[in-house]
Amino acid sequence: MSDATERPAADSADATDADAWAKACAEDLAAERARRRTQYGTQPGSAAEELRRLADAVADRLSALQAPLAGTAAGGAVQQLIAQARAAVEPVVERNPEVFDHLAAAGSELLAAYRAAVQGQERRWTRGEDGPDGPSGSERIDLD
């Protein structure tokens, strides 16, 4: 019978240990994020957040440029263009924020593949290996 009475106490101790561990991990993570934020500045957000920030920055820049360059009629057209762009972007970002994260990751992968292909071709060129047009050789060009 003592086994049955000790069991709930052991489960309670395990739960307390798990809670303490989770709390300690969360505190460590928060401290590390704060340290990185002070060392490196604020980190970029998700791709959707970055798209919003880009749209806001472009809109602000266009608003700043319109005053010296245009009259009131052109200024109104610029404001209308900015409003239409925001109206088109916001619903898409709100409905599918994870799509932008996937697109950003896909873009990074495409860039990495392109970079690898270019670096491979550059290595072949610099070693003088045969290319698709036949053997490559060096040619002296006189610039005088």
C-alpha atoms as a PDB file:
ATOM      1  CA  MET A   1       0.000   0.000   0.000  1.00  0.00           C
ATOM      2  CA  SER A   2       2.904   2.320   0.579  1.00  0.00           C
ATOM      3  CA  ASP A   3       3.775   1.897  -3.112  1.00  0.00           C
ATOM      4  CA  ALA A   4       0.425   3.438  -4.133  1.00  0.00           C
ATOM      5  CA  THR A   5       0.869   6.405  -1.820  1.00  0.00           C
ATOM      6  CA  GLU A   6       4.431   7.066  -3.019  1.00  0.00           C
ATOM      7  CA  ARG A   7       3.501   6.973  -6.695  1.00  0.00           C
ATOM      8  CA  PRO A   8       1.559  10.284  -6.858  1.00  0.00           C
ATOM      9  CA  ALA A   9       4.356  12.006  -4.950  1.00  0.00           C
ATOM     10  CA  ALA A  10       6.917  10.728  -7.496  1.00  0.00           C
ATOM     11  CA  ASP A  11       4.735  11.878 -10.408  1.00  0.00           C
ATOM     12  CA  SER A  12       4.389  15.280  -8.750  1.00  0.00           C
ATOM     13  CA  ALA A  13       8.164  15.538  -8.324  1.00  0.00           C
ATOM     14  CA  ASP A  14       8.705  14.569 -11.977  1.00  0.00           C
ATOM     15  CA  ALA A  15       6.193  17.181 -13.093  1.00  0.00           C
ATOM     16  CA  THR A  16       7.873  19.813 -10.917  1.00  0.00           C
ATOM     17  CA  ASP A  17      11.286  18.872 -12.340  1.00  0.00           C
ATOM     18  CA  ALA A  18       9.934  19.064 -15.904  1.00  0.00           C
ATOM     19  CA  ASP A  19       8.380  22.473 -15.213  1.00  0.00           C
ATOM     20  CA  ALA A  20      11.613  23.741 -13.673  1.00  0.00           C
ATOM     21  CA  TRP A  21      13.587  22.437 -16.648  1.00  0.00           C
ATOM     22  CA  ALA A  22      11.204  24.063 -19.140  1.00  0.00           C
ATOM     23  CA  LYS A  23      11.337  27.339 -17.205  1.00  0.00           C
ATOM     24  CA  ALA A  24      15.154  27.274 -17.074  1.00  0.00           C
ATOM     25  CA  CYS A  25      15.346  26.551 -20.813  1.00  0.00           C
ATOM     26  CA  ALA A  26      12.962  29.409 -21.607  1.00  0.00           C
ATOM     27  CA  GLU A  27      14.990  31.784 -19.429  1.00  0.00           C
ATOM     28  CA  ASP A  28      18.250  30.708 -21.090  1.00  0.00           C
ATOM     29  CA  LEU A  29      16.733  31.150 -24.534  1.00  0.00           C
ATOM     30  CA  ALA A  30      15.416  34.613 -23.663  1.00  0.00           C
ATOM     31  CA  ALA A  31      18.817  35.618 -22.271  1.00  0.00           C
ATOM     32  CA  GLU A  32      20.606  34.351 -25.387  1.00  0.00           C
ATOM     33  CA  ARG A  33      18.187  36.211 -27.664  1.00  0.00           C
ATOM     34  CA  ALA A  34      18.726  39.404 -25.670  1.00  0.00           C
ATOM     35  CA  ARG A  35      22.504  38.960 -25.852  1.00  0.00           C
ATOM     36  CA  ARG A  36      22.382  38.446 -29.627  1.00  0.00           C
ATOM     37  CA  ARG A  37      20.034  41.405 -30.057  1.00  0.00           C
ATOM     38  CA  THR A  38      22.486  43.683 -28.231  1.00  0.00           C
ATOM     39  CA  GLN A  39      25.469  42.245 -30.109  1.00  0.00           C
ATOM     40  CA  TYR A  40      24.045  42.017 -33.630  1.00  0.00           C
ATOM     41  CA  GLY A  41      20.978  44.259 -33.547  1.00  0.00           C
ATOM     42  CA  THR A  42      17.460  43.141 -34.285  1.00  0.00           C
ATOM     43  CA  GLN A  43      17.234  40.084 -36.479  1.00  0.00           C
ATOM     44  CA  PRO A  44      15.083  40.083 -39.603  1.00  0.00           C
ATOM     45  CA  GLY A  45      11.584  38.808 -39.159  1.00  0.00           C
ATOM     46  CA  SER A  46       9.710  36.403 -41.340  1.00  0.00           C
ATOM     47  CA  ALA A  47       9.598  36.961 -45.073  1.00  0.00           C
ATOM     48  CA  ALA A  48       6.051  38.300 -44.743  1.00  0.00           C
ATOM     49  CA  GLU A  49       7.137  40.843 -42.123  1.00  0.00           C
ATOM     50  CA  GLU A  50      10.103  41.853 -44.264  1.00  0.00           C
ATOM     51  CA  LEU A  51       7.802  42.339 -47.282  1.00  0.00           C
ATOM     52  CA  ARG A  52       5.595  44.631 -45.204  1.00  0.00           C
ATOM     53  CA  ARG A  53       8.628  46.585 -44.031  1.00  0.00           C
ATOM     54  CA  LEU A  54       9.857  46.886 -47.627  1.00  0.00           C
ATOM     55  CA  ALA A  55       6.476  48.145 -48.804  1.00  0.00           C
ATOM     56  CA  ASP A  56       6.394  50.687 -45.966  1.00  0.00           C
ATOM     57  CA  ALA A  57       9.943  51.862 -46.714  1.00  0.00           C
ATOM     58  CA  VAL A  58       9.198  52.257 -50.426  1.00  0.00           C
ATOM     59  CA  ALA A  59       5.980  54.115 -49.657  1.00  0.00           C
ATOM     60  CA  ASP A  60       7.787  56.433 -47.249  1.00  0.00           C
ATOM     61  CA  ARG A  61      10.546  57.069 -49.765  1.00  0.00           C
ATOM     62  CA  LEU A  62       8.072  57.811 -52.554  1.00  0.00           C
ATOM     63  CA  SER A  63       6.173  60.158 -50.276  1.00  0.00           C
ATOM     64  CA  ALA A  64       9.400  62.006 -49.439  1.00  0.00           C
ATOM     65  CA  LEU A  65      10.387  62.265 -53.107  1.00  0.00           C
ATOM     66  CA  GLN A  66       7.017  63.376 -54.426  1.00  0.00           C
ATOM     67  CA  ALA A  67       7.014  66.791 -52.731  1.00  0.00           C
ATOM     68  CA  PRO A  68      10.038  68.315 -54.452  1.00  0.00           C
ATOM     69  CA  LEU A  69       9.464  66.600 -57.782  1.00  0.00           C
ATOM     70  CA  ALA A  70       5.751  66.889 -58.385  1.00  0.00           C
ATOM     71  CA  GLY A  71       2.767  69.125 -57.919  1.00  0.00           C
ATOM     72  CA  THR A  72      -0.384  68.279 -56.028  1.00  0.00           C
ATOM     73  CA  ALA A  73      -1.969  66.347 -58.909  1.00  0.00           C
ATOM     74  CA  ALA A  74       1.045  64.061 -59.290  1.00  0.00           C
ATOM     75  CA  GLY A  75       1.303  63.765 -55.513  1.00  0.00           C
ATOM     76  CA  GLY A  76      -2.250  62.488 -55.354  1.00  0.00           C
ATOM     77  CA  ALA A  77      -1.473  59.921 -58.054  1.00  0.00           C
ATOM     78  CA  VAL A  78       1.545  58.696 -56.102  1.00  0.00           C
ATOM     79  CA  GLN A  79      -0.507  58.406 -52.922  1.00  0.00           C
ATOM     80  CA  GLN A  80      -3.174  56.453 -54.811  1.00  0.00           C
ATOM     81  CA  LEU A  81      -0.507  54.122 -56.244  1.00  0.00           C
ATOM     82  CA  ILE A  82       0.897  53.514 -52.766  1.00  0.00           C
ATOM     83  CA  ALA A  83      -2.570  52.788 -51.378  1.00  0.00           C
ATOM     84  CA  GLN A  84      -3.311  50.341 -54.214  1.00  0.00           C
ATOM     85  CA  ALA A  85       0.004  48.539 -53.704  1.00  0.00           C
ATOM     86  CA  ARG A  86      -0.638  48.164 -49.978  1.00  0.00           C
ATOM     87  CA  ALA A  87      -4.200  46.993 -50.635  1.00  0.00           C
ATOM     88  CA  ALA A  88      -2.878  44.320 -52.992  1.00  0.00           C
ATOM     89  CA  VAL A  89      -0.046  43.121 -50.730  1.00  0.00           C
ATOM     90  CA  GLU A  90      -1.704  43.074 -47.307  1.00  0.00           C
ATOM     91  CA  PRO A  91      -4.433  40.449 -47.972  1.00  0.00           C
ATOM     92  CA  VAL A  92      -1.937  38.066 -49.544  1.00  0.00           C
ATOM     93  CA  VAL A  93       0.470  38.452 -46.645  1.00  0.00           C
ATOM     94  CA  GLU A  94      -2.309  38.039 -44.085  1.00  0.00           C
ATOM     95  CA  ARG A  95      -3.699  34.872 -45.669  1.00  0.00           C
ATOM     96  CA  ASN A  96      -0.405  33.155 -46.494  1.00  0.00           C
ATOM     97  CA  PRO A  97       2.537  34.374 -44.396  1.00  0.00           C
ATOM     98  CA  GLU A  98       4.251  30.978 -44.566  1.00  0.00           C
ATOM     99  CA  VAL A  99       4.237  31.112 -48.388  1.00  0.00           C
ATOM    100  CA  PHE A 100       6.691  34.008 -48.264  1.00  0.00           C
ATOM    101  CA  ASP A 101       8.975  32.034 -45.947  1.00  0.00           C
ATOM    102  CA  HIS A 102       8.954  29.150 -48.444  1.00  0.00           C
ATOM    103  CA  LEU A 103       9.584  31.515 -51.361  1.00  0.00           C
ATOM    104  CA  ALA A 104      12.497  33.106 -49.505  1.00  0.00           C
ATOM    105  CA  ALA A 105      13.961  29.664 -48.772  1.00  0.00           C
ATOM    106  CA  ALA A 106      13.498  28.618 -52.399  1.00  0.00           C
ATOM    107  CA  GLY A 107      15.193  31.793 -53.578  1.00  0.00           C
ATOM    108  CA  SER A 108      18.124  31.105 -51.265  1.00  0.00           C
ATOM    109  CA  GLU A 109      18.422  27.561 -52.612  1.00  0.00           C
ATOM    110  CA  LEU A 110      18.354  28.799 -56.218  1.00  0.00           C
ATOM    111  CA  LEU A 111      21.037  31.351 -55.410  1.00  0.00           C
ATOM    112  CA  ALA A 112      23.185  28.666 -53.783  1.00  0.00           C
ATOM    113  CA  ALA A 113      22.784  26.391 -56.828  1.00  0.00           C
ATOM    114  CA  TYR A 114      23.699  29.237 -59.201  1.00  0.00           C
ATOM    115  CA  ARG A 115      26.699  30.163 -57.071  1.00  0.00           C
ATOM    116  CA  ALA A 116      27.916  26.534 -57.061  1.00  0.00           C
ATOM    117  CA  ALA A 117      27.551  26.285 -60.845  1.00  0.00           C
ATOM    118  CA  VAL A 118      29.440  29.539 -61.413  1.00  0.00           C
ATOM    119  CA  GLN A 119      32.216  28.585 -59.014  1.00  0.00           C
ATOM    120  CA  GLY A 120      32.586  25.204 -60.708  1.00  0.00           C
ATOM    121  CA  GLN A 121      32.834  26.843 -64.117  1.00  0.00           C
ATOM    122  CA  GLU A 122      35.355  29.378 -62.835  1.00  0.00           C
ATOM    123  CA  ARG A 123      37.532  26.563 -61.469  1.00  0.00           C
ATOM    124  CA  ARG A 124      37.485  24.838 -64.851  1.00  0.00           C
ATOM    125  CA  TRP A 125      38.359  28.086 -66.639  1.00  0.00           C
ATOM    126  CA  THR A 126      41.240  28.900 -64.329  1.00  0.00           C
ATOM    127  CA  ARG A 127      42.712  25.387 -64.601  1.00  0.00           C
ATOM    128  CA  GLY A 128      42.451  25.515 -68.383  1.00  0.00           C
ATOM    129  CA  GLU A 129      40.217  22.463 -68.702  1.00  0.00           C
ATOM    130  CA  ASP A 130      38.333  21.732 -71.896  1.00  0.00           C
ATOM    131  CA  GLY A 131      35.086  23.554 -72.218  1.00  0.00           C
ATOM    132  CA  PRO A 132      32.124  23.055 -74.565  1.00  0.00           C
ATOM    133  CA  ASP A 133      33.979  24.925 -77.339  1.00  0.00           C
ATOM    134  CA  GLY A 134      37.039  22.710 -77.224  1.00  0.00           C
ATOM    135  CA  PRO A 135      40.293  23.030 -75.350  1.00  0.00           C
ATOM    136  CA  SER A 136      40.901  26.385 -73.782  1.00  0.00           C
ATOM    137  CA  GLY A 137      44.294  27.957 -74.046  1.00  0.00           C
ATOM    138  CA  SER A 138      45.778  31.180 -72.949  1.00  0.00           C
ATOM    139  CA  GLU A 139      46.168  33.919 -75.464  1.00  0.00           C
ATOM    140  CA  ARG A 140      48.460  36.888 -75.071  1.00  0.00           C
ATOM    141  CA  ILE A 141      46.766  40.174 -75.841  1.00  0.00           C
ATOM    142  CA  ASP A 142      48.968  43.181 -76.440  1.00  0.00           C
ATOM    143  CA  LEU A 143      47.308  46.328 -75.154  1.00  0.00           C
ATOM    144  CA  ASP A 144      49.784  48.788 -76.749  1.00  0.00           C
END
